[in-house]
All heavy atoms as atom14 arrays in JSON, in Angstrom:
{
  "sequence": "APVRGRNHEYAVITQERTSAARSGAYRGLAPAWHVTLATVTRVS",
  "atom14_mask": [
    [1, 1, 1, 1, 1, 0, 0, 0, 0, 0, 0, 0, 0, 0],
    [1, 1, 1, 1, 1, 1, 1, 0, 0, 0, 0, 0, 0, 0],
    [1, 1, 1, 1, 1, 1, 1, 0, 0, 0, 0, 0, 0, 0],
    [1, 1, 1, 1, 1, 1, 1, 1, 1, 1, 1, 0, 0, 0],
    [1, 1, 1, 1, 0, 0, 0, 0, 0, 0, 0, 0, 0, 0],
    [1, 1, 1, 1, 1, 1, 1, 1, 1, 1, 1, 0, 0, 0],
    [1, 1, 1, 1, 1, 1, 1, 1, 0, 0, 0, 0, 0, 0],
    [1, 1, 1, 1, 1, 1, 1, 1, 1, 1, 0, 0, 0, 0],
    [1, 1, 1, 1, 1, 1, 1, 1, 1, 0, 0, 0, 0, 0],
    [1, 1, 1, 1, 1, 1, 1, 1, 1, 1, 1, 1, 0, 0],
    [1, 1, 1, 1, 1, 0, 0, 0, 0, 0, 0, 0, 0, 0],
    [1, 1, 1, 1, 1, 1, 1, 0, 0, 0, 0, 0, 0, 0],
    [1, 1, 1, 1, 1, 1, 1, 1, 0, 0, 0, 0, 0, 0],
    [1, 1, 1, 1, 1, 1, 1, 0, 0, 0, 0, 0, 0, 0],
    [1, 1, 1, 1, 1, 1, 1, 1, 1, 0, 0, 0, 0, 0],
    [1, 1, 1, 1, 1, 1, 1, 1, 1, 0, 0, 0, 0, 0],
    [1, 1, 1, 1, 1, 1, 1, 1, 1, 1, 1, 0, 0, 0],
    [1, 1, 1, 1, 1, 1, 1, 0, 0, 0, 0, 0, 0, 0],
    [1, 1, 1, 1, 1, 1, 0, 0, 0, 0, 0, 0, 0, 0],
    [1, 1, 1, 1, 1, 0, 0, 0, 0, 0, 0, 0, 0, 0],
    [1, 1, 1, 1, 1, 0, 0, 0, 0, 0, 0, 0, 0, 0],
    [1, 1, 1, 1, 1, 1, 1, 1, 1, 1, 1, 0, 0, 0],
    [1, 1, 1, 1, 1, 1, 0, 0, 0, 0, 0, 0, 0, 0],
    [1, 1, 1, 1, 0, 0, 0, 0, 0, 0, 0, 0, 0, 0],
    [1, 1, 1, 1, 1, 0, 0, 0, 0, 0, 0, 0, 0, 0],
    [1, 1, 1, 1, 1, 1, 1, 1, 1, 1, 1, 1, 0, 0],
    [1, 1, 1, 1, 1, 1, 1, 1, 1, 1, 1, 0, 0, 0],
    [1, 1, 1, 1, 0, 0, 0, 0, 0, 0, 0, 0, 0, 0],
    [1, 1, 1, 1, 1, 1, 1, 1, 0, 0, 0, 0, 0, 0],
    [1, 1, 1, 1, 1, 0, 0, 0, 0, 0, 0, 0, 0, 0],
    [1, 1, 1, 1, 1, 1, 1, 0, 0, 0, 0, 0, 0, 0],
    [1, 1, 1, 1, 1, 0, 0, 0, 0, 0, 0, 0, 0, 0],
    [1, 1, 1, 1, 1, 1, 1, 1, 1, 1, 1, 1, 1, 1],
    [1, 1, 1, 1, 1, 1, 1, 1, 1, 1, 0, 0, 0, 0],
    [1, 1, 1, 1, 1, 1, 1, 0, 0, 0, 0, 0, 0, 0],
    [1, 1, 1, 1, 1, 1, 1, 0, 0, 0, 0, 0, 0, 0],
    [1, 1, 1, 1, 1, 1, 1, 1, 0, 0, 0, 0, 0, 0],
    [1, 1, 1, 1, 1, 0, 0, 0, 0, 0, 0, 0, 0, 0],
    [1, 1, 1, 1, 1, 1, 1, 0, 0, 0, 0, 0, 0, 0],
    [1, 1, 1, 1, 1, 1, 1, 0, 0, 0, 0, 0, 0, 0],
    [1, 1, 1, 1, 1, 1, 1, 0, 0, 0, 0, 0, 0, 0],
    [1, 1, 1, 1, 1, 1, 1, 1, 1, 1, 1, 0, 0, 0],
    [1, 1, 1, 1, 1, 1, 1, 0, 0, 0, 0, 0, 0, 0],
    [1, 1, 1, 1, 1, 1, 0, 0, 0, 0, 0, 0, 0, 0]
  ],
  "atom14_positions": [
    [[9.2, -1.93, 6.58], [10.1, -1.66, 7.74], [9.3, -1.76, 8.99], [8.12, -1.35, 9.06], [10.71, -0.3, 7.61], [0.0, 0.0, 0.0], [0.0, 0.0, 0.0], [0.0, 0.0, 0.0], [0.0, 0.0, 0.0], [0.0, 0.0, 0.0], [0.0, 0.0, 0.0], [0.0, 0.0, 0.0], [0.0, 0.0, 0.0], [0.0, 0.0, 0.0]],
    [[9.89, -2.3, 10.09], [9.17, -2.35, 11.39], [8.94, -0.96, 11.9], [9.79, -0.06, 11.73], [10.12, -3.17, 12.27], [11.46, -3.04, 11.64], [11.22, -2.91, 10.18], [0.0, 0.0, 0.0], [0.0, 0.0, 0.0], [0.0, 0.0, 0.0], [0.0, 0.0, 0.0], [0.0, 0.0, 0.0], [0.0, 0.0, 0.0], [0.0, 0.0, 0.0]],
    [[7.84, -0.73, 12.53], [7.51, 0.57, 13.15], [8.11, 0.59, 14.56], [7.82, -0.28, 15.34], [5.99, 0.81, 13.2], [5.68, 2.13, 13.89], [5.38, 0.79, 11.79], [0.0, 0.0, 0.0], [0.0, 0.0, 0.0], [0.0, 0.0, 0.0], [0.0, 0.0, 0.0], [0.0, 0.0, 0.0], [0.0, 0.0, 0.0], [0.0, 0.0, 0.0]],
    [[8.9, 1.6, 14.85], [9.56, 1.65, 16.12], [8.56, 1.73, 17.27], [7.57, 2.48, 17.2], [10.45, 2.94, 16.21], [11.79, 2.79, 15.46], [12.7, 3.9, 15.83], [12.07, 5.22, 15.67], [12.38, 6.1, 14.72], [13.34, 5.78, 13.87], [11.78, 7.21, 14.64], [0.0, 0.0, 0.0], [0.0, 0.0, 0.0], [0.0, 0.0, 0.0]],
    [[8.81, 0.95, 18.3], [7.91, 0.96, 19.46], [6.65, 0.19, 19.31], [5.82, 0.22, 20.21], [0.0, 0.0, 0.0], [0.0, 0.0, 0.0], [0.0, 0.0, 0.0], [0.0, 0.0, 0.0], [0.0, 0.0, 0.0], [0.0, 0.0, 0.0], [0.0, 0.0, 0.0], [0.0, 0.0, 0.0], [0.0, 0.0, 0.0], [0.0, 0.0, 0.0]],
    [[6.47, -0.48, 18.17], [5.25, -1.28, 17.95], [5.66, -2.7, 17.67], [6.4, -2.99, 16.75], [4.5, -0.7, 16.77], [4.05, 0.75, 16.92], [2.87, 0.78, 17.85], [2.36, 2.15, 17.99], [1.06, 2.45, 18.0], [0.16, 1.52, 17.92], [0.72, 3.74, 18.11], [0.0, 0.0, 0.0], [0.0, 0.0, 0.0], [0.0, 0.0, 0.0]],
    [[5.13, -3.64, 18.45], [5.42, -5.05, 18.2], [4.71, -5.62, 17.03], [3.51, -5.52, 16.91], [5.06, -5.86, 19.49], [6.01, -5.59, 20.62], [7.22, -5.73, 20.48], [5.48, -5.16, 21.76], [0.0, 0.0, 0.0], [0.0, 0.0, 0.0], [0.0, 0.0, 0.0], [0.0, 0.0, 0.0], [0.0, 0.0, 0.0], [0.0, 0.0, 0.0]],
    [[5.48, -6.17, 16.09], [4.94, -6.87, 14.93], [4.1, -5.95, 14.04], [3.18, -6.41, 13.38], [4.15, -8.12, 15.38], [4.95, -9.02, 16.21], [6.12, -9.58, 15.79], [4.76, -9.45, 17.49], [6.63, -10.32, 16.75], [5.85, -10.27, 17.83], [0.0, 0.0, 0.0], [0.0, 0.0, 0.0], [0.0, 0.0, 0.0], [0.0, 0.0, 0.0]],
    [[4.37, -4.68, 14.04], [3.71, -3.71, 13.16], [4.75, -3.2, 12.15], [5.87, -2.88, 12.48], [3.14, -2.56, 13.9], [2.32, -1.6, 13.06], [1.59, -0.5, 13.86], [1.35, -0.71, 15.06], [1.33, 0.54, 13.23], [0.0, 0.0, 0.0], [0.0, 0.0, 0.0], [0.0, 0.0, 0.0], [0.0, 0.0, 0.0], [0.0, 0.0, 0.0]],
    [[4.3, -3.17, 10.86], [5.22, -2.76, 9.8], [4.6, -1.66, 8.95], [3.4, -1.61, 8.73], [5.51, -3.99, 8.89], [6.24, -5.1, 9.6], [5.56, -6.01, 10.38], [7.63, -5.15, 9.5], [6.26, -7.01, 11.06], [8.34, -6.17, 10.21], [7.64, -7.07, 10.95], [8.35, -8.08, 11.65], [0.0, 0.0, 0.0], [0.0, 0.0, 0.0]],
    [[5.5, -0.77, 8.47], [5.12, 0.24, 7.5], [5.41, -0.33, 6.14], [6.54, -0.84, 5.91], [5.83, 1.54, 7.73], [0.0, 0.0, 0.0], [0.0, 0.0, 0.0], [0.0, 0.0, 0.0], [0.0, 0.0, 0.0], [0.0, 0.0, 0.0], [0.0, 0.0, 0.0], [0.0, 0.0, 0.0], [0.0, 0.0, 0.0], [0.0, 0.0, 0.0]],
    [[4.46, -0.3, 5.23], [4.66, -0.87, 3.88], [4.5, 0.32, 2.9], [3.51, 1.05, 2.92], [3.59, -1.91, 3.56], [3.91, -2.6, 2.24], [3.46, -2.91, 4.69], [0.0, 0.0, 0.0], [0.0, 0.0, 0.0], [0.0, 0.0, 0.0], [0.0, 0.0, 0.0], [0.0, 0.0, 0.0], [0.0, 0.0, 0.0], [0.0, 0.0, 0.0]],
    [[5.47, 0.48, 2.04], [5.49, 1.47, 0.99], [5.21, 0.79, -0.36], [5.92, -0.15, -0.76], [6.78, 2.26, 0.91], [7.26, 2.69, 2.31], [6.67, 3.42, -0.05], [6.33, 3.59, 3.02], [0.0, 0.0, 0.0], [0.0, 0.0, 0.0], [0.0, 0.0, 0.0], [0.0, 0.0, 0.0], [0.0, 0.0, 0.0], [0.0, 0.0, 0.0]],
    [[4.19, 1.27, -1.06], [3.91, 0.68, -2.38], [3.82, 1.8, -3.42], [3.53, 2.95, -3.09], [2.57, -0.09, -2.4], [1.5, 0.8, -2.03], [2.6, -1.24, -1.43], [0.0, 0.0, 0.0], [0.0, 0.0, 0.0], [0.0, 0.0, 0.0], [0.0, 0.0, 0.0], [0.0, 0.0, 0.0], [0.0, 0.0, 0.0], [0.0, 0.0, 0.0]],
    [[4.05, 1.41, -4.69], [3.83, 2.33, -5.8], [2.8, 1.67, -6.66], [2.99, 0.5, -7.1], [5.16, 2.63, -6.55], [4.9, 3.7, -7.62], [6.23, 4.01, -8.38], [6.91, 3.12, -8.8], [6.43, 5.3, -8.63], [0.0, 0.0, 0.0], [0.0, 0.0, 0.0], [0.0, 0.0, 0.0], [0.0, 0.0, 0.0], [0.0, 0.0, 0.0]],
    [[1.71, 2.35, -6.95], [0.57, 1.74, -7.68], [0.09, 2.63, -8.8], [0.18, 3.83, -8.75], [-0.57, 1.47, -6.68], [-0.15, 0.62, -5.51], [-1.21, 0.58, -4.42], [-2.42, 0.47, -4.8], [-0.91, 0.7, -3.25], [0.0, 0.0, 0.0], [0.0, 0.0, 0.0], [0.0, 0.0, 0.0], [0.0, 0.0, 0.0], [0.0, 0.0, 0.0]],
    [[-0.5, 1.96, -9.78], [-1.1, 2.66, -10.92], [-2.48, 2.05, -11.18], [-2.62, 0.82, -11.26], [-0.23, 2.54, -12.12], [-0.8, 3.33, -13.32], [0.15, 3.25, -14.5], [-0.16, 4.41, -15.34], [0.74, 5.18, -15.94], [2.02, 4.95, -15.71], [0.41, 6.15, -16.71], [0.0, 0.0, 0.0], [0.0, 0.0, 0.0], [0.0, 0.0, 0.0]],
    [[-3.51, 2.88, -11.4], [-4.82, 2.45, -11.69], [-5.22, 2.85, -13.09], [-4.89, 4.0, -13.51], [-5.84, 3.05, -10.68], [-5.43, 2.73, -9.35], [-7.24, 2.47, -10.88], [0.0, 0.0, 0.0], [0.0, 0.0, 0.0], [0.0, 0.0, 0.0], [0.0, 0.0, 0.0], [0.0, 0.0, 0.0], [0.0, 0.0, 0.0], [0.0, 0.0, 0.0]],
    [[-5.82, 1.99, -13.83], [-6.31, 2.33, -15.2], [-7.7, 1.66, -15.37], [-8.14, 0.85, -14.58], [-5.34, 1.78, -16.25], [-5.19, 0.36, -16.08], [0.0, 0.0, 0.0], [0.0, 0.0, 0.0], [0.0, 0.0, 0.0], [0.0, 0.0, 0.0], [0.0, 0.0, 0.0], [0.0, 0.0, 0.0], [0.0, 0.0, 0.0], [0.0, 0.0, 0.0]],
    [[-8.35, 2.06, -16.46], [-9.64, 1.5, -16.8], [-9.79, 1.33, -18.28], [-9.55, 2.3, -19.02], [-10.75, 2.42, -16.22], [0.0, 0.0, 0.0], [0.0, 0.0, 0.0], [0.0, 0.0, 0.0], [0.0, 0.0, 0.0], [0.0, 0.0, 0.0], [0.0, 0.0, 0.0], [0.0, 0.0, 0.0], [0.0, 0.0, 0.0], [0.0, 0.0, 0.0]],
    [[-10.11, 0.14, -18.72], [-10.23, -0.12, -20.15], [-11.39, 0.54, -20.8], [-11.36, 0.93, -22.01], [-10.27, -1.64, -20.4], [0.0, 0.0, 0.0], [0.0, 0.0, 0.0], [0.0, 0.0, 0.0], [0.0, 0.0, 0.0], [0.0, 0.0, 0.0], [0.0, 0.0, 0.0], [0.0, 0.0, 0.0], [0.0, 0.0, 0.0], [0.0, 0.0, 0.0]],
    [[-12.47, 0.77, -20.06], [-13.69, 1.3, -20.64], [-14.13, 2.58, -19.95], [-15.36, 2.9, -19.9], [-14.82, 0.24, -20.56], [-14.48, -1.02, -21.28], [-15.52, -2.08, -21.2], [-16.82, -1.61, -21.69], [-17.99, -2.25, -21.52], [-17.96, -3.39, -20.82], [-19.08, -1.78, -21.98], [0.0, 0.0, 0.0], [0.0, 0.0, 0.0], [0.0, 0.0, 0.0]],
    [[-13.21, 3.34, -19.4], [-13.54, 4.58, -18.73], [-12.32, 5.53, -18.85], [-11.22, 5.09, -18.84], [-13.9, 4.34, -17.27], [-13.93, 5.56, -16.57], [0.0, 0.0, 0.0], [0.0, 0.0, 0.0], [0.0, 0.0, 0.0], [0.0, 0.0, 0.0], [0.0, 0.0, 0.0], [0.0, 0.0, 0.0], [0.0, 0.0, 0.0], [0.0, 0.0, 0.0]],
    [[-12.64, 6.81, -18.92], [-11.56, 7.81, -18.98], [-11.2, 8.33, -17.6], [-10.41, 9.23, -17.48], [0.0, 0.0, 0.0], [0.0, 0.0, 0.0], [0.0, 0.0, 0.0], [0.0, 0.0, 0.0], [0.0, 0.0, 0.0], [0.0, 0.0, 0.0], [0.0, 0.0, 0.0], [0.0, 0.0, 0.0], [0.0, 0.0, 0.0], [0.0, 0.0, 0.0]],
    [[-11.8, 7.77, -16.54], [-11.62, 8.27, -15.2], [-10.2, 8.29, -14.74], [-9.82, 9.2, -13.97], [-12.47, 7.46, -14.23], [0.0, 0.0, 0.0], [0.0, 0.0, 0.0], [0.0, 0.0, 0.0], [0.0, 0.0, 0.0], [0.0, 0.0, 0.0], [0.0, 0.0, 0.0], [0.0, 0.0, 0.0], [0.0, 0.0, 0.0], [0.0, 0.0, 0.0]],
    [[-9.37, 7.36, -15.19], [-8.01, 7.26, -14.69], [-6.98, 7.65, -15.77], [-5.82, 7.47, -15.57], [-7.73, 5.82, -14.23], [-8.63, 5.41, -13.09], [-9.77, 4.63, -13.35], [-8.38, 5.8, -11.8], [-10.6, 4.23, -12.32], [-9.2, 5.39, -10.74], [-10.34, 4.64, -11.01], [-11.16, 4.24, -10.0], [0.0, 0.0, 0.0], [0.0, 0.0, 0.0]],
    [[-7.48, 8.18, -16.94], [-6.57, 8.48, -18.02], [-5.57, 9.54, -17.59], [-5.92, 10.58, -17.03], [-7.39, 8.98, -19.23], [-6.56, 9.14, -20.47], [-7.42, 9.39, -21.68], [-8.32, 8.25, -21.96], [-9.6, 8.35, -22.15], [-10.22, 9.53, -22.13], [-10.35, 7.3, -22.37], [0.0, 0.0, 0.0], [0.0, 0.0, 0.0], [0.0, 0.0, 0.0]],
    [[-4.31, 9.26, -17.88], [-3.27, 10.21, -17.55], [-2.79, 10.21, -16.09], [-1.96, 11.0, -15.68], [0.0, 0.0, 0.0], [0.0, 0.0, 0.0], [0.0, 0.0, 0.0], [0.0, 0.0, 0.0], [0.0, 0.0, 0.0], [0.0, 0.0, 0.0], [0.0, 0.0, 0.0], [0.0, 0.0, 0.0], [0.0, 0.0, 0.0], [0.0, 0.0, 0.0]],
    [[-3.4, 9.33, -15.28], [-3.07, 9.29, -13.88], [-1.69, 8.67, -13.67], [-1.43, 7.56, -14.15], [-4.13, 8.44, -13.12], [-4.09, 8.45, -11.57], [-4.42, 9.88, -11.1], [-5.08, 7.49, -11.05], [0.0, 0.0, 0.0], [0.0, 0.0, 0.0], [0.0, 0.0, 0.0], [0.0, 0.0, 0.0], [0.0, 0.0, 0.0], [0.0, 0.0, 0.0]],
    [[-0.83, 9.35, -13.0], [0.55, 8.87, -12.77], [0.55, 7.85, -11.61], [-0.36, 7.87, -10.77], [1.46, 10.05, -12.38], [0.0, 0.0, 0.0], [0.0, 0.0, 0.0], [0.0, 0.0, 0.0], [0.0, 0.0, 0.0], [0.0, 0.0, 0.0], [0.0, 0.0, 0.0], [0.0, 0.0, 0.0], [0.0, 0.0, 0.0], [0.0, 0.0, 0.0]],
    [[1.55, 7.0, -11.61], [1.67, 6.06, -10.48], [1.72, 6.81, -9.18], [2.33, 7.95, -9.11], [3.0, 5.32, -10.78], [3.17, 5.46, -12.25], [2.58, 6.8, -12.62], [0.0, 0.0, 0.0], [0.0, 0.0, 0.0], [0.0, 0.0, 0.0], [0.0, 0.0, 0.0], [0.0, 0.0, 0.0], [0.0, 0.0, 0.0], [0.0, 0.0, 0.0]],
    [[1.14, 6.29, -8.11], [1.12, 6.98, -6.83], [1.77, 6.11, -5.72], [1.74, 4.9, -5.83], [-0.35, 7.3, -6.48], [0.0, 0.0, 0.0], [0.0, 0.0, 0.0], [0.0, 0.0, 0.0], [0.0, 0.0, 0.0], [0.0, 0.0, 0.0], [0.0, 0.0, 0.0], [0.0, 0.0, 0.0], [0.0, 0.0, 0.0], [0.0, 0.0, 0.0]],
    [[2.35, 6.83, -4.73], [2.94, 6.18, -3.58], [1.94, 6.04, -2.51], [1.13, 6.99, -2.26], [4.15, 6.98, -3.11], [5.26, 6.99, -4.1], [5.45, 7.89, -5.12], [6.37, 6.08, -4.15], [6.58, 7.58, -5.79], [7.2, 6.48, -5.26], [6.75, 4.96, -3.43], [8.36, 5.83, -5.57], [7.9, 4.29, -3.77], [8.71, 4.71, -4.85]],
    [[1.96, 4.95, -1.78], [1.03, 4.71, -0.66], [1.74, 4.15, 0.53], [2.75, 3.37, 0.35], [-0.09, 3.79, -1.12], [-0.89, 4.35, -2.25], [-1.82, 5.36, -2.13], [-0.88, 4.0, -3.57], [-2.31, 5.64, -3.31], [-1.77, 4.83, -4.2], [0.0, 0.0, 0.0], [0.0, 0.0, 0.0], [0.0, 0.0, 0.0], [0.0, 0.0, 0.0]],
    [[1.3, 4.49, 1.71], [1.82, 3.91, 2.96], [0.68, 3.18, 3.67], [-0.41, 3.69, 3.82], [2.32, 5.07, 3.91], [2.85, 4.48, 5.21], [3.4, 5.9, 3.24], [0.0, 0.0, 0.0], [0.0, 0.0, 0.0], [0.0, 0.0, 0.0], [0.0, 0.0, 0.0], [0.0, 0.0, 0.0], [0.0, 0.0, 0.0], [0.0, 0.0, 0.0]],
    [[0.97, 1.96, 4.12], [-0.01, 1.16, 4.84], [0.69, 0.6, 6.09], [1.84, 0.25, 6.03], [-0.53, -0.02, 3.98], [-1.19, 0.54, 2.79], [-1.51, -0.83, 4.75], [0.0, 0.0, 0.0], [0.0, 0.0, 0.0], [0.0, 0.0, 0.0], [0.0, 0.0, 0.0], [0.0, 0.0, 0.0], [0.0, 0.0, 0.0], [0.0, 0.0, 0.0]],
    [[-0.07, 0.49, 7.2], [0.42, -0.11, 8.41], [-0.16, -1.52, 8.49], [-1.39, -1.67, 8.36], [0.01, 0.69, 9.62], [0.66, 2.1, 9.74], [0.16, 2.8, 10.95], [2.16, 2.0, 9.7], [0.0, 0.0, 0.0], [0.0, 0.0, 0.0], [0.0, 0.0, 0.0], [0.0, 0.0, 0.0], [0.0, 0.0, 0.0], [0.0, 0.0, 0.0]],
    [[0.65, -2.5, 8.67], [0.23, -3.88, 8.73], [0.73, -4.51, 10.01], [1.93, -4.37, 10.35], [0.72, -4.67, 7.52], [0.0, 0.0, 0.0], [0.0, 0.0, 0.0], [0.0, 0.0, 0.0], [0.0, 0.0, 0.0], [0.0, 0.0, 0.0], [0.0, 0.0, 0.0], [0.0, 0.0, 0.0], [0.0, 0.0, 0.0], [0.0, 0.0, 0.0]],
    [[-0.13, -5.2, 10.72], [0.25, -5.91, 11.98], [0.07, -7.4, 11.74], [-0.95, -7.8, 11.14], [-0.64, -5.41, 13.17], [-0.52, -4.01, 13.29], [-0.2, -6.13, 14.45], [0.0, 0.0, 0.0], [0.0, 0.0, 0.0], [0.0, 0.0, 0.0], [0.0, 0.0, 0.0], [0.0, 0.0, 0.0], [0.0, 0.0, 0.0], [0.0, 0.0, 0.0]],
    [[1.01, -8.18, 12.22], [0.96, -9.61, 12.03], [0.83, -10.3, 13.4], [1.19, -9.74, 14.43], [2.17, -10.19, 11.28], [2.21, -9.65, 9.86], [3.47, -9.86, 12.03], [0.0, 0.0, 0.0], [0.0, 0.0, 0.0], [0.0, 0.0, 0.0], [0.0, 0.0, 0.0], [0.0, 0.0, 0.0], [0.0, 0.0, 0.0], [0.0, 0.0, 0.0]],
    [[0.31, -11.5, 13.38], [0.25, -12.3, 14.6], [0.57, -13.78, 14.22], [0.36, -14.18, 13.06], [-1.15, -12.21, 15.26], [-1.09, -12.76, 16.53], [-2.21, -12.93, 14.43], [0.0, 0.0, 0.0], [0.0, 0.0, 0.0], [0.0, 0.0, 0.0], [0.0, 0.0, 0.0], [0.0, 0.0, 0.0], [0.0, 0.0, 0.0], [0.0, 0.0, 0.0]],
    [[1.04, -14.5, 15.18], [1.47, -15.88, 14.95], [0.27, -16.78, 15.21], [-0.52, -16.6, 16.18], [2.62, -16.27, 15.81], [3.11, -17.68, 15.58], [4.39, -17.93, 16.4], [5.55, -17.39, 15.74], [6.75, -17.28, 16.3], [6.91, -17.7, 17.55], [7.78, -16.83, 15.68], [0.0, 0.0, 0.0], [0.0, 0.0, 0.0], [0.0, 0.0, 0.0]],
    [[0.08, -17.82, 14.38], [-0.97, -18.81, 14.53], [-0.35, -20.16, 14.77], [0.89, -20.3, 14.74], [-1.92, -18.81, 13.3], [-2.67, -17.5, 13.18], [-1.14, -19.18, 12.07], [0.0, 0.0, 0.0], [0.0, 0.0, 0.0], [0.0, 0.0, 0.0], [0.0, 0.0, 0.0], [0.0, 0.0, 0.0], [0.0, 0.0, 0.0], [0.0, 0.0, 0.0]],
    [[-1.16, -21.14, 15.04], [-0.64, -22.46, 15.3], [0.18, -23.0, 14.13], [-0.05, -22.62, 13.01], [-1.76, -23.47, 15.57], [-2.59, -23.58, 14.45], [0.0, 0.0, 0.0], [0.0, 0.0, 0.0], [0.0, 0.0, 0.0], [0.0, 0.0, 0.0], [0.0, 0.0, 0.0], [0.0, 0.0, 0.0], [0.0, 0.0, 0.0], [0.0, 0.0, 0.0]]
  ]
}
């Protein structure tokens, strides 16, 4: 979604899950929500 008052800036919502085949570090970790701000610009 575009961020109000910001030209060409967008809020991005993602749902992500991390795992590891040879480590227990992420075992049982539930998917997590993340917010990122992304700005775009036009090129030739």
